[in-house]
PDB file of N, CA and C in Angstrom:
ATOM      1  N   MET A   1     -32.555  -1.675 -48.217  1.00  0.00           N
ATOM      2  CA  MET A   1     -31.788  -1.384 -47.030  1.00  0.00           C
ATOM      3  C   MET A   1     -30.805  -0.270 -47.364  1.00  0.00           C
ATOM      4  N   SER A   2     -30.617   0.647 -46.426  1.00  0.00           N
ATOM      5  CA  SER A   2     -29.735   1.782 -46.682  1.00  0.00           C
ATOM      6  C   SER A   2     -28.275   1.364 -46.540  1.00  0.00           C
ATOM      7  N   THR A   3     -27.401   2.283 -46.875  1.00  0.00           N
ATOM      8  CA  THR A   3     -25.962   2.014 -46.785  1.00  0.00           C
ATOM      9  C   THR A   3     -25.537   1.818 -45.337  1.00  0.00           C
ATOM     10  N   ALA A   4     -26.105   2.628 -44.424  1.00  0.00           N
ATOM     11  CA  ALA A   4     -25.750   2.491 -43.010  1.00  0.00           C
ATOM     12  C   ALA A   4     -26.201   1.139 -42.482  1.00  0.00           C
ATOM     13  N   GLY A   5     -27.338   0.650 -42.925  1.00  0.00           N
ATOM     14  CA  GLY A   5     -27.812  -0.654 -42.492  1.00  0.00           C
ATOM     15  C   GLY A   5     -26.936  -1.769 -43.007  1.00  0.00           C
ATOM     16  N   GLN A   6     -26.358  -1.594 -44.172  1.00  0.00           N
ATOM     17  CA  GLN A   6     -25.468  -2.614 -44.729  1.00  0.00           C
ATOM     18  C   GLN A   6     -24.139  -2.654 -43.991  1.00  0.00           C
ATOM     19  N   ILE A   7     -23.673  -1.511 -43.504  1.00  0.00           N
ATOM     20  CA  ILE A   7     -22.389  -1.472 -42.787  1.00  0.00           C
ATOM     21  C   ILE A   7     -22.497  -2.214 -41.465  1.00  0.00           C
ATOM     22  N   TYR A   8     -23.614  -2.002 -40.750  1.00  0.00           N
ATOM     23  CA  TYR A   8     -23.752  -2.583 -39.426  1.00  0.00           C
ATOM     24  C   TYR A   8     -24.441  -3.942 -39.423  1.00  0.00           C
ATOM     25  N   ALA A   9     -24.896  -4.390 -40.550  1.00  0.00           N
ATOM     26  CA  ALA A   9     -25.577  -5.683 -40.602  1.00  0.00           C
ATOM     27  C   ALA A   9     -24.558  -6.810 -40.533  1.00  0.00           C
ATOM     28  N   LYS A  10     -24.891  -7.873 -39.804  1.00  0.00           N
ATOM     29  CA  LYS A  10     -24.000  -9.037 -39.711  1.00  0.00           C
ATOM     30  C   LYS A  10     -24.154  -9.884 -40.966  1.00  0.00           C
ATOM     31  N   PRO A  11     -23.065 -10.439 -41.442  1.00  0.00           N
ATOM     32  CA  PRO A  11     -23.193 -11.332 -42.593  1.00  0.00           C
ATOM     33  C   PRO A  11     -23.972 -12.576 -42.215  1.00  0.00           C
ATOM     34  N   ARG A  12     -24.684 -13.106 -43.145  1.00  0.00           N
ATOM     35  CA  ARG A  12     -25.489 -14.306 -42.884  1.00  0.00           C
ATOM     36  C   ARG A  12     -24.585 -15.505 -42.674  1.00  0.00           C
ATOM     37  N   GLY A  13     -24.938 -16.303 -41.699  1.00  0.00           N
ATOM     38  CA  GLY A  13     -24.190 -17.523 -41.447  1.00  0.00           C
ATOM     39  C   GLY A  13     -22.848 -17.310 -40.764  1.00  0.00           C
ATOM     40  N   PHE A  14     -22.630 -16.121 -40.223  1.00  0.00           N
ATOM     41  CA  PHE A  14     -21.329 -15.829 -39.595  1.00  0.00           C
ATOM     42  C   PHE A  14     -21.134 -16.628 -38.310  1.00  0.00           C
ATOM     43  N   ALA A  15     -22.114 -16.643 -37.433  1.00  0.00           N
ATOM     44  CA  ALA A  15     -21.990 -17.327 -36.151  1.00  0.00           C
ATOM     45  C   ALA A  15     -21.906 -18.841 -36.302  1.00  0.00           C
ATOM     46  N   PRO A  16     -22.696 -19.496 -37.134  1.00  0.00           N
ATOM     47  CA  PRO A  16     -22.574 -20.947 -37.237  1.00  0.00           C
ATOM     48  C   PRO A  16     -21.223 -21.384 -37.790  1.00  0.00           C
ATOM     49  N   ARG A  17     -20.664 -20.637 -38.723  1.00  0.00           N
ATOM     50  CA  ARG A  17     -19.352 -21.035 -39.246  1.00  0.00           C
ATOM     51  C   ARG A  17     -18.273 -20.941 -38.179  1.00  0.00           C
ATOM     52  N   MET A  18     -18.331 -19.900 -37.339  1.00  0.00           N
ATOM     53  CA  MET A  18     -17.327 -19.755 -36.283  1.00  0.00           C
ATOM     54  C   MET A  18     -17.474 -20.860 -35.245  1.00  0.00           C
ATOM     55  N   SER A  19     -18.695 -21.227 -34.907  1.00  0.00           N
ATOM     56  CA  SER A  19     -18.886 -22.243 -33.876  1.00  0.00           C
ATOM     57  C   SER A  19     -18.443 -23.619 -34.366  1.00  0.00           C
ATOM     58  N   LYS A  20     -18.487 -23.862 -35.664  1.00  0.00           N
ATOM     59  CA  LYS A  20     -18.033 -25.151 -36.181  1.00  0.00           C
ATOM     60  C   LYS A  20     -16.516 -25.263 -36.123  1.00  0.00           C
ATOM     61  N   ARG A  21     -15.835 -24.149 -36.175  1.00  0.00           N
ATOM     62  CA  ARG A  21     -14.369 -24.173 -36.163  1.00  0.00           C
ATOM     63  C   ARG A  21     -13.792 -24.300 -34.755  1.00  0.00           C
ATOM     64  N   LEU A  22     -14.533 -23.899 -33.743  1.00  0.00           N
ATOM     65  CA  LEU A  22     -14.023 -23.928 -32.374  1.00  0.00           C
ATOM     66  C   LEU A  22     -14.207 -25.308 -31.763  1.00  0.00           C
ATOM     67  N   PRO A  23     -13.232 -25.766 -30.983  1.00  0.00           N
ATOM     68  CA  PRO A  23     -13.384 -27.057 -30.315  1.00  0.00           C
ATOM     69  C   PRO A  23     -14.359 -26.929 -29.142  1.00  0.00           C
ATOM     70  N   PRO A  24     -14.946 -28.021 -28.717  1.00  0.00           N
ATOM     71  CA  PRO A  24     -15.844 -27.945 -27.560  1.00  0.00           C
ATOM     72  C   PRO A  24     -15.050 -27.622 -26.292  1.00  0.00           C
ATOM     73  N   LEU A  25     -15.661 -26.847 -25.427  1.00  0.00           N
ATOM     74  CA  LEU A  25     -14.995 -26.435 -24.198  1.00  0.00           C
ATOM     75  C   LEU A  25     -15.241 -27.446 -23.091  1.00  0.00           C
ATOM     76  N   ALA A  26     -14.210 -27.651 -22.265  1.00  0.00           N
ATOM     77  CA  ALA A  26     -14.346 -28.517 -21.100  1.00  0.00           C
ATOM     78  C   ALA A  26     -15.036 -27.743 -19.990  1.00  0.00           C
ATOM     79  N   PRO A  27     -15.726 -28.426 -19.089  1.00  0.00           N
ATOM     80  CA  PRO A  27     -16.365 -27.708 -17.984  1.00  0.00           C
ATOM     81  C   PRO A  27     -15.288 -27.087 -17.074  1.00  0.00           C
ATOM     82  N   PRO A  28     -15.594 -25.958 -16.446  1.00  0.00           N
ATOM     83  CA  PRO A  28     -14.593 -25.310 -15.591  1.00  0.00           C
ATOM     84  C   PRO A  28     -14.278 -26.156 -14.368  1.00  0.00           C
ATOM     85  N   GLU A  29     -13.017 -26.092 -13.968  1.00  0.00           N
ATOM     86  CA  GLU A  29     -12.592 -26.833 -12.774  1.00  0.00           C
ATOM     87  C   GLU A  29     -12.972 -26.032 -11.532  1.00  0.00           C
ATOM     88  N   VAL A  30     -13.503 -26.735 -10.558  1.00  0.00           N
ATOM     89  CA  VAL A  30     -13.865 -26.084  -9.309  1.00  0.00           C
ATOM     90  C   VAL A  30     -12.673 -26.200  -8.367  1.00  0.00           C
ATOM     91  N   GLN A  31     -12.156 -25.034  -7.960  1.00  0.00           N
ATOM     92  CA  GLN A  31     -11.017 -25.024  -7.047  1.00  0.00           C
ATOM     93  C   GLN A  31     -11.513 -24.709  -5.640  1.00  0.00           C
ATOM     94  N   PRO A  32     -10.918 -25.359  -4.638  1.00  0.00           N
ATOM     95  CA  PRO A  32     -11.367 -25.084  -3.271  1.00  0.00           C
ATOM     96  C   PRO A  32     -10.982 -23.667  -2.853  1.00  0.00           C
ATOM     97  N   ALA A  33     -11.764 -23.112  -1.970  1.00  0.00           N
ATOM     98  CA  ALA A  33     -11.491 -21.767  -1.457  1.00  0.00           C
ATOM     99  C   ALA A  33     -10.228 -21.806  -0.612  1.00  0.00           C
ATOM    100  N   PRO A  34      -9.414 -20.751  -0.665  1.00  0.00           N
ATOM    101  CA  PRO A  34      -8.199 -20.741   0.160  1.00  0.00           C
ATOM    102  C   PRO A  34      -8.556 -20.664   1.642  1.00  0.00           C
ATOM    103  N   ASP A  35      -7.684 -21.238   2.457  1.00  0.00           N
ATOM    104  CA  ASP A  35      -7.896 -21.204   3.903  1.00  0.00           C
ATOM    105  C   ASP A  35      -7.732 -19.776   4.408  1.00  0.00           C
ATOM    106  N   PRO A  36      -8.567 -19.366   5.343  1.00  0.00           N
ATOM    107  CA  PRO A  36      -8.399 -18.013   5.889  1.00  0.00           C
ATOM    108  C   PRO A  36      -7.107 -17.931   6.694  1.00  0.00           C
ATOM    109  N   ALA A  37      -6.513 -16.754   6.683  1.00  0.00           N
ATOM    110  CA  ALA A  37      -5.262 -16.547   7.414  1.00  0.00           C
ATOM    111  C   ALA A  37      -5.538 -16.653   8.914  1.00  0.00           C
ATOM    112  N   PRO A  38      -4.676 -17.340   9.651  1.00  0.00           N
ATOM    113  CA  PRO A  38      -4.908 -17.472  11.088  1.00  0.00           C
ATOM    114  C   PRO A  38      -4.747 -16.159  11.837  1.00  0.00           C
ATOM    115  N   GLU A  39      -3.897 -15.268  11.331  1.00  0.00           N
ATOM    116  CA  GLU A  39      -3.669 -13.976  11.969  1.00  0.00           C
ATOM    117  C   GLU A  39      -3.846 -12.883  10.924  1.00  0.00           C
ATOM    118  N   PRO A  40      -4.160 -11.669  11.333  1.00  0.00           N
ATOM    119  CA  PRO A  40      -4.259 -10.593  10.348  1.00  0.00           C
ATOM    120  C   PRO A  40      -2.901 -10.339   9.691  1.00  0.00           C
ATOM    121  N   THR A  41      -2.945 -10.014   8.406  1.00  0.00           N
ATOM    122  CA  THR A  41      -1.699  -9.818   7.669  1.00  0.00           C
ATOM    123  C   THR A  41      -1.293  -8.360   7.586  1.00  0.00           C
ATOM    124  N   PHE A  42      -2.143  -7.429   8.014  1.00  0.00           N
ATOM    125  CA  PHE A  42      -1.746  -6.030   7.959  1.00  0.00           C
ATOM    126  C   PHE A  42      -0.871  -5.705   9.156  1.00  0.00           C
ATOM    127  N   SER A  43      -0.028  -4.689   9.020  1.00  0.00           N
ATOM    128  CA  SER A  43       1.034  -4.477   9.990  1.00  0.00           C
ATOM    129  C   SER A  43       0.582  -3.751  11.252  1.00  0.00           C
ATOM    130  N   PHE A  44      -0.429  -2.905  11.184  1.00  0.00           N
ATOM    131  CA  PHE A  44      -0.822  -2.135  12.358  1.00  0.00           C
ATOM    132  C   PHE A  44      -2.110  -2.691  12.946  1.00  0.00           C
ATOM    133  N   SER A  45      -2.067  -3.929  13.404  1.00  0.00           N
ATOM    134  CA  SER A  45      -3.228  -4.544  14.018  1.00  0.00           C
ATOM    135  C   SER A  45      -3.092  -4.494  15.533  1.00  0.00           C
ATOM    136  N   LEU A  46      -4.166  -4.815  16.208  1.00  0.00           N
ATOM    137  CA  LEU A  46      -4.105  -4.831  17.665  1.00  0.00           C
ATOM    138  C   LEU A  46      -3.173  -5.923  18.164  1.00  0.00           C
ATOM    139  N   GLY A  47      -3.044  -7.009  17.398  1.00  0.00           N
ATOM    140  CA  GLY A  47      -2.133  -8.073  17.795  1.00  0.00           C
ATOM    141  C   GLY A  47      -0.672  -7.664  17.706  1.00  0.00           C
ATOM    142  N   SER A  48      -0.355  -6.749  16.790  1.00  0.00           N
ATOM    143  CA  SER A  48       1.036  -6.334  16.645  1.00  0.00           C
ATOM    144  C   SER A  48       1.464  -5.386  17.754  1.00  0.00           C
ATOM    145  N   LEU A  49       0.495  -4.783  18.467  1.00  0.00           N
ATOM    146  CA  LEU A  49       0.866  -3.892  19.558  1.00  0.00           C
ATOM    147  C   LEU A  49       1.528  -4.655  20.699  1.00  0.00           C
ATOM    148  N   GLY A  50       1.040  -5.842  20.984  1.00  0.00           N
ATOM    149  CA  GLY A  50       1.623  -6.616  22.063  1.00  0.00           C
ATOM    150  C   GLY A  50       2.958  -7.234  21.697  1.00  0.00           C
ATOM    151  N   GLU A  51       3.186  -7.428  20.395  1.00  0.00           N
ATOM    152  CA  GLU A  51       4.424  -8.060  19.946  1.00  0.00           C
ATOM    153  C   GLU A  51       5.579  -7.082  19.847  1.00  0.00           C
ATOM    154  N   GLU A  52       5.301  -5.787  19.782  1.00  0.00           N
ATOM    155  CA  GLU A  52       6.374  -4.815  19.592  1.00  0.00           C
ATOM    156  C   GLU A  52       7.160  -4.626  20.884  1.00  0.00           C
ATOM    157  N   SER A  53       8.459  -4.653  20.735  1.00  0.00           N
ATOM    158  CA  SER A  53       9.322  -4.472  21.884  1.00  0.00           C
ATOM    159  C   SER A  53       9.617  -2.988  22.071  1.00  0.00           C
ATOM    160  N   THR A  54       9.716  -2.558  23.310  1.00  0.00           N
ATOM    161  CA  THR A  54      10.040  -1.161  23.572  1.00  0.00           C
ATOM    162  C   THR A  54      11.542  -0.933  23.651  1.00  0.00           C
ATOM    163  N   SER A  55      12.315  -1.978  23.724  1.00  0.00           N
ATOM    164  CA  SER A  55      13.766  -1.833  23.769  1.00  0.00           C
ATOM    165  C   SER A  55      14.291  -1.537  22.376  1.00  0.00           C
ATOM    166  N   PHE A  56      15.122  -0.508  22.242  1.00  0.00           N
ATOM    167  CA  PHE A  56      15.616  -0.145  20.920  1.00  0.00           C
ATOM    168  C   PHE A  56      16.610  -1.169  20.388  1.00  0.00           C
ATOM    169  N   ARG A  57      17.197  -1.992  21.247  1.00  0.00           N
ATOM    170  CA  ARG A  57      18.139  -3.007  20.775  1.00  0.00           C
ATOM    171  C   ARG A  57      17.437  -4.187  20.098  1.00  0.00           C
ATOM    172  N   ASP A  58      16.151  -4.374  20.390  1.00  0.00           N
ATOM    173  CA  ASP A  58      15.396  -5.473  19.791  1.00  0.00           C
ATOM    174  C   ASP A  58      14.831  -5.137  18.414  1.00  0.00           C
ATOM    175  N   ARG A  59      14.813  -3.859  18.051  1.00  0.00           N
ATOM    176  CA  ARG A  59      14.242  -3.460  16.769  1.00  0.00           C
ATOM    177  C   ARG A  59      15.230  -3.691  15.636  1.00  0.00           C
ATOM    178  N   THR A  60      14.693  -3.861  14.441  1.00  0.00           N
ATOM    179  CA  THR A  60      15.499  -4.112  13.251  1.00  0.00           C
ATOM    180  C   THR A  60      16.376  -2.915  12.911  1.00  0.00           C
ATOM    181  N   GLU A  61      15.877  -1.709  13.205  1.00  0.00           N
ATOM    182  CA  GLU A  61      16.595  -0.507  12.822  1.00  0.00           C
ATOM    183  C   GLU A  61      17.952  -0.374  13.508  1.00  0.00           C
ATOM    184  N   SER A  62      18.098  -0.974  14.672  1.00  0.00           N
ATOM    185  CA  SER A  62      19.370  -0.825  15.387  1.00  0.00           C
ATOM    186  C   SER A  62      20.469  -1.702  14.807  1.00  0.00           C
ATOM    187  N   HIS A  63      20.119  -2.689  13.976  1.00  0.00           N
ATOM    188  CA  HIS A  63      21.128  -3.585  13.420  1.00  0.00           C
ATOM    189  C   HIS A  63      21.344  -3.397  11.925  1.00  0.00           C
ATOM    190  N   ASP A  64      20.359  -2.890  11.224  1.00  0.00           N
ATOM    191  CA  ASP A  64      20.416  -2.789   9.776  1.00  0.00           C
ATOM    192  C   ASP A  64      20.719  -1.352   9.367  1.00  0.00           C
ATOM    193  N   ALA A  65      21.770  -1.174   8.571  1.00  0.00           N
ATOM    194  CA  ALA A  65      22.171   0.169   8.152  1.00  0.00           C
ATOM    195  C   ALA A  65      21.148   0.796   7.212  1.00  0.00           C
ATOM    196  N   TYR A  66      20.533  -0.005   6.339  1.00  0.00           N
ATOM    197  CA  TYR A  66      19.527   0.529   5.419  1.00  0.00           C
ATOM    198  C   TYR A  66      18.290   1.006   6.169  1.00  0.00           C
ATOM    199  N   ALA A  67      17.908   0.299   7.214  1.00  0.00           N
ATOM    200  CA  ALA A  67      16.754   0.716   8.003  1.00  0.00           C
ATOM    201  C   ALA A  67      17.057   2.012   8.752  1.00  0.00           C
ATOM    202  N   ARG A  68      18.269   2.149   9.248  1.00  0.00           N
ATOM    203  CA  ARG A  68      18.654   3.394   9.923  1.00  0.00           C
ATOM    204  C   ARG A  68      18.668   4.550   8.947  1.00  0.00           C
ATOM    205  N   LEU A  69      19.177   4.313   7.759  1.00  0.00           N
ATOM    206  CA  LEU A  69      19.203   5.346   6.735  1.00  0.00           C
ATOM    207  C   LEU A  69      17.777   5.743   6.342  1.00  0.00           C
ATOM    208  N   THR A  70      16.874   4.770   6.291  1.00  0.00           N
ATOM    209  CA  THR A  70      15.476   5.056   5.976  1.00  0.00           C
ATOM    210  C   THR A  70      14.841   5.919   7.058  1.00  0.00           C
ATOM    211  N   VAL A  71      15.136   5.623   8.315  1.00  0.00           N
ATOM    212  CA  VAL A  71      14.594   6.412   9.426  1.00  0.00           C
ATOM    213  C   VAL A  71      15.060   7.854   9.325  1.00  0.00           C
ATOM    214  N   TYR A  72      16.335   8.067   9.058  1.00  0.00           N
ATOM    215  CA  TYR A  72      16.847   9.427   9.002  1.00  0.00           C
ATOM    216  C   TYR A  72      16.445  10.136   7.709  1.00  0.00           C
ATOM    217  N   ALA A  73      16.192   9.412   6.646  1.00  0.00           N
ATOM    218  CA  ALA A  73      15.678  10.040   5.425  1.00  0.00           C
ATOM    219  C   ALA A  73      14.244  10.531   5.655  1.00  0.00           C
ATOM    220  N   LEU A  74      13.421   9.708   6.311  1.00  0.00           N
ATOM    221  CA  LEU A  74      12.062  10.140   6.635  1.00  0.00           C
ATOM    222  C   LEU A  74      12.067  11.311   7.613  1.00  0.00           C
ATOM    223  N   THR A  75      13.006  11.304   8.563  1.00  0.00           N
ATOM    224  CA  THR A  75      13.126  12.412   9.505  1.00  0.00           C
ATOM    225  C   THR A  75      13.506  13.692   8.770  1.00  0.00           C
ATOM    226  N   THR A  76      14.372  13.584   7.773  1.00  0.00           N
ATOM    227  CA  THR A  76      14.763  14.750   6.979  1.00  0.00           C
ATOM    228  C   THR A  76      13.576  15.301   6.206  1.00  0.00           C
ATOM    229  N   ILE A  77      12.724  14.426   5.696  1.00  0.00           N
ATOM    230  CA  ILE A  77      11.522  14.880   4.986  1.00  0.00           C
ATOM    231  C   ILE A  77      10.602  15.635   5.941  1.00  0.00           C
ATOM    232  N   VAL A  78      10.455  15.136   7.159  1.00  0.00           N
ATOM    233  CA  VAL A  78       9.627  15.834   8.147  1.00  0.00           C
ATOM    234  C   VAL A  78      10.274  17.165   8.515  1.00  0.00           C
ATOM    235  N   LEU A  79      11.599  17.221   8.606  1.00  0.00           N
ATOM    236  CA  LEU A  79      12.307  18.470   8.896  1.00  0.00           C
ATOM    237  C   LEU A  79      12.046  19.514   7.814  1.00  0.00           C
ATOM    238  N   ILE A  80      11.990  19.091   6.566  1.00  0.00           N
ATOM    239  CA  ILE A  80      11.770  20.032   5.467  1.00  0.00           C
ATOM    240  C   ILE A  80      10.356  20.602   5.521  1.00  0.00           C
ATOM    241  N   PHE A  81       9.364  19.777   5.784  1.00  0.00           N
ATOM    242  CA  PHE A  81       7.983  20.237   5.748  1.00  0.00           C
ATOM    243  C   PHE A  81       7.550  20.942   7.028  1.00  0.00           C
ATOM    244  N   ALA A  82       7.983  20.460   8.180  1.00  0.00           N
ATOM    245  CA  ALA A  82       7.598  21.073   9.454  1.00  0.00           C
ATOM    246  C   ALA A  82       8.802  20.984  10.382  1.00  0.00           C
ATOM    247  N   PHE A  83       9.571  22.068  10.447  1.00  0.00           N
ATOM    248  CA  PHE A  83      10.831  22.026  11.186  1.00  0.00           C
ATOM    249  C   PHE A  83      10.665  21.693  12.664  1.00  0.00           C
ATOM    250  N   PRO A  84       9.734  22.285  13.404  1.00  0.00           N
ATOM    251  CA  PRO A  84       9.639  21.937  14.836  1.00  0.00           C
ATOM    252  C   PRO A  84       9.318  20.460  15.075  1.00  0.00           C
ATOM    253  N   VAL A  85       8.414  19.922  14.292  1.00  0.00           N
ATOM    254  CA  VAL A  85       8.062  18.506  14.434  1.00  0.00           C
ATOM    255  C   VAL A  85       9.255  17.636  14.036  1.00  0.00           C
ATOM    256  N   GLY A  86       9.924  17.997  12.953  1.00  0.00           N
ATOM    257  CA  GLY A  86      11.074  17.226  12.485  1.00  0.00           C
ATOM    258  C   GLY A  86      12.237  17.272  13.456  1.00  0.00           C
ATOM    259  N   PHE A  87      12.456  18.446  14.084  1.00  0.00           N
ATOM    260  CA  PHE A  87      13.559  18.544  15.044  1.00  0.00           C
ATOM    261  C   PHE A  87      13.265  17.708  16.283  1.00  0.00           C
ATOM    262  N   ALA A  88      12.019  17.719  16.745  1.00  0.00           N
ATOM    263  CA  ALA A  88      11.643  16.876  17.889  1.00  0.00           C
ATOM    264  C   ALA A  88      11.782  15.403  17.529  1.00  0.00           C
ATOM    265  N   LEU A  89      11.414  15.049  16.306  1.00  0.00           N
ATOM    266  CA  LEU A  89      11.548  13.663  15.860  1.00  0.00           C
ATOM    267  C   LEU A  89      13.013  13.258  15.738  1.00  0.00           C
ATOM    268  N   LEU A  90      13.849  14.177  15.273  1.00  0.00           N
ATOM    269  CA  LEU A  90      15.284  13.897  15.180  1.00  0.00           C
ATOM    270  C   LEU A  90      15.881  13.648  16.556  1.00  0.00           C
ATOM    271  N   LEU A  91      15.515  14.475  17.533  1.00  0.00           N
ATOM    272  CA  LEU A  91      16.001  14.248  18.900  1.00  0.00           C
ATOM    273  C   LEU A  91      15.489  12.923  19.461  1.00  0.00           C
ATOM    274  N   PHE A  92      14.236  12.616  19.183  1.00  0.00           N
ATOM    275  CA  PHE A  92      13.673  11.351  19.638  1.00  0.00           C
ATOM    276  C   PHE A  92      14.446  10.170  19.040  1.00  0.00           C
ATOM    277  N   ASN A  93      14.770  10.248  17.750  1.00  0.00           N
ATOM    278  CA  ASN A  93      15.485   9.144  17.102  1.00  0.00           C
ATOM    279  C   ASN A  93      16.925   9.040  17.571  1.00  0.00           C
ATOM    280  N   ILE A  94      17.559  10.156  17.860  1.00  0.00           N
ATOM    281  CA  ILE A  94      18.948  10.102  18.334  1.00  0.00           C
ATOM    282  C   ILE A  94      19.007   9.584  19.763  1.00  0.00           C
ATOM    283  N   LEU A  95      18.161  10.108  20.639  1.00  0.00           N
ATOM    284  CA  LEU A  95      18.241   9.749  22.056  1.00  0.00           C
ATOM    285  C   LEU A  95      17.564   8.423  22.384  1.00  0.00           C
ATOM    286  N   GLY A  96      16.485   8.103  21.695  1.00  0.00           N
ATOM    287  CA  GLY A  96      15.729   6.904  22.035  1.00  0.00           C
ATOM    288  C   GLY A  96      15.984   5.730  21.119  1.00  0.00           C
ATOM    289  N   GLY A  97      16.882   5.858  20.184  1.00  0.00           N
ATOM    290  CA  GLY A  97      17.097   4.786  19.223  1.00  0.00           C
ATOM    291  C   GLY A  97      16.157   4.959  18.045  1.00  0.00           C
ATOM    292  N   GLU A  98      16.597   4.561  16.885  1.00  0.00           N
ATOM    293  CA  GLU A  98      15.797   4.752  15.667  1.00  0.00           C
ATOM    294  C   GLU A  98      14.534   3.899  15.729  1.00  0.00           C
ATOM    295  N   ASN A  99      13.424   4.500  15.379  1.00  0.00           N
ATOM    296  CA  ASN A  99      12.152   3.786  15.371  1.00  0.00           C
ATOM    297  C   ASN A  99      11.431   4.121  14.071  1.00  0.00           C
ATOM    298  N   LEU A 100      11.412   3.179  13.166  1.00  0.00           N
ATOM    299  CA  LEU A 100      10.812   3.398  11.848  1.00  0.00           C
ATOM    300  C   LEU A 100       9.307   3.591  11.944  1.00  0.00           C
ATOM    301  N   ARG A 101       8.668   2.872  12.842  1.00  0.00           N
ATOM    302  CA  ARG A 101       7.213   2.968  12.972  1.00  0.00           C
ATOM    303  C   ARG A 101       6.794   4.348  13.461  1.00  0.00           C
ATOM    304  N   THR A 102       7.458   4.862  14.483  1.00  0.00           N
ATOM    305  CA  THR A 102       7.128   6.187  14.996  1.00  0.00           C
ATOM    306  C   THR A 102       7.433   7.263  13.971  1.00  0.00           C
ATOM    307  N   THR A 103       8.543   7.119  13.266  1.00  0.00           N
ATOM    308  CA  THR A 103       8.919   8.105  12.255  1.00  0.00           C
ATOM    309  C   THR A 103       7.923   8.126  11.107  1.00  0.00           C
ATOM    310  N   SER A 104       7.476   6.960  10.672  1.00  0.00           N
ATOM    311  CA  SER A 104       6.510   6.926   9.579  1.00  0.00           C
ATOM    312  C   SER A 104       5.153   7.469  10.025  1.00  0.00           C
ATOM    313  N   HIS A 105       4.773   7.230  11.273  1.00  0.00           N
ATOM    314  CA  HIS A 105       3.535   7.815  11.788  1.00  0.00           C
ATOM    315  C   HIS A 105       3.638   9.339  11.850  1.00  0.00           C
ATOM    316  N   ALA A 106       4.777   9.841  12.298  1.00  0.00           N
ATOM    317  CA  ALA A 106       4.964  11.296  12.370  1.00  0.00           C
ATOM    318  C   ALA A 106       4.930  11.912  10.976  1.00  0.00           C
ATOM    319  N   LEU A 107       5.522  11.225   9.996  1.00  0.00           N
ATOM    320  CA  LEU A 107       5.490  11.725   8.621  1.00  0.00           C
ATOM    321  C   LEU A 107       4.060  11.742   8.079  1.00  0.00           C
ATOM    322  N   ALA A 108       3.300  10.694   8.345  1.00  0.00           N
ATOM    323  CA  ALA A 108       1.929  10.629   7.858  1.00  0.00           C
ATOM    324  C   ALA A 108       1.059  11.710   8.512  1.00  0.00           C
ATOM    325  N   LEU A 109       1.210  11.910   9.804  1.00  0.00           N
ATOM    326  CA  LEU A 109       0.412  12.932  10.487  1.00  0.00           C
ATOM    327  C   LEU A 109       0.829  14.335  10.074  1.00  0.00           C
ATOM    328  N   THR A 110       2.115  14.541   9.822  1.00  0.00           N
ATOM    329  CA  THR A 110       2.568  15.840   9.337  1.00  0.00           C
ATOM    330  C   THR A 110       2.008  16.117   7.952  1.00  0.00           C
ATOM    331  N   GLY A 111       2.016  15.123   7.090  1.00  0.00           N
ATOM    332  CA  GLY A 111       1.434  15.287   5.760  1.00  0.00           C
ATOM    333  C   GLY A 111      -0.059  15.554   5.827  1.00  0.00           C
ATOM    334  N   LEU A 112      -0.759  14.869   6.722  1.00  0.00           N
ATOM    335  CA  LEU A 112      -2.191  15.104   6.894  1.00  0.00           C
ATOM    336  C   LEU A 112      -2.437  16.522   7.394  1.00  0.00           C
ATOM    337  N   GLY A 113      -1.635  16.967   8.351  1.00  0.00           N
ATOM    338  CA  GLY A 113      -1.772  18.336   8.864  1.00  0.00           C
ATOM    339  C   GLY A 113      -1.528  19.378   7.789  1.00  0.00           C
ATOM    340  N   LEU A 114      -0.508  19.162   6.966  1.00  0.00           N
ATOM    341  CA  LEU A 114      -0.240  20.101   5.874  1.00  0.00           C
ATOM    342  C   LEU A 114      -1.350  20.077   4.829  1.00  0.00           C
ATOM    343  N   ALA A 115      -1.861  18.896   4.538  1.00  0.00           N
ATOM    344  CA  ALA A 115      -2.930  18.790   3.550  1.00  0.00           C
ATOM    345  C   ALA A 115      -4.202  19.483   4.026  1.00  0.00           C
ATOM    346  N   LEU A 116      -4.458  19.493   5.311  1.00  0.00           N
ATOM    347  CA  LEU A 116      -5.640  20.159   5.837  1.00  0.00           C
ATOM    348  C   LEU A 116      -5.395  21.649   6.083  1.00  0.00           C
ATOM    349  N   PHE A 117      -4.162  22.029   6.378  1.00  0.00           N
ATOM    350  CA  PHE A 117      -3.852  23.423   6.716  1.00  0.00           C
ATOM    351  C   PHE A 117      -3.723  24.295   5.469  1.00  0.00           C
ATOM    352  N   LEU A 118      -3.076  23.815   4.443  1.00  0.00           N
ATOM    353  CA  LEU A 118      -2.781  24.664   3.283  1.00  0.00           C
ATOM    354  C   LEU A 118      -4.028  25.139   2.548  1.00  0.00           C
ATOM    355  N   PRO A 119      -5.035  24.316   2.296  1.00  0.00           N
ATOM    356  CA  PRO A 119      -6.215  24.854   1.621  1.00  0.00           C
ATOM    357  C   PRO A 119      -7.167  25.623   2.553  1.00  0.00           C
ATOM    358  N   GLY A 120      -6.878  25.668   3.837  1.00  0.00           N
ATOM    359  CA  GLY A 120      -7.708  26.399   4.776  1.00  0.00           C
ATOM    360  C   GLY A 120      -8.805  25.589   5.421  1.00  0.00           C
ATOM    361  N   ILE A 121      -8.702  24.273   5.359  1.00  0.00           N
ATOM    362  CA  ILE A 121      -9.715  23.419   5.975  1.00  0.00           C
ATOM    363  C   ILE A 121      -9.541  23.384   7.490  1.00  0.00           C
ATOM    364  N   PHE A 122      -8.309  23.395   7.928  1.00  0.00           N
ATOM    365  CA  PHE A 122      -8.010  23.225   9.351  1.00  0.00           C
ATOM    366  C   PHE A 122      -7.560  24.537   9.937  1.00  0.00           C
TER     367      PHE A 122
END
């Protein structure tokens, strides 16, 4: 046998010695499948459209300072990338009450537009 064959060859009796040292394994436990969720857990479902209130006083952003700051931070990002869209969004947020969902949609669509426009696809 060559030297390469000796390097890769398994020693004799290696597997039986290891199996004698290991304890016997117990059979796996069968766990029941989890119950399916009664409602969809993602945020932009058709069911969430009916639950959303159009009154700005009912939204979380009108009461929470961090949510308001988040809305205006996202609006600032849109202002930097696309000033006309960002300025319209800023006016919408000032006059109509802060809306995090609309602002995040505008940011996503602006990013998509920039991603398609810059390489010349759109």
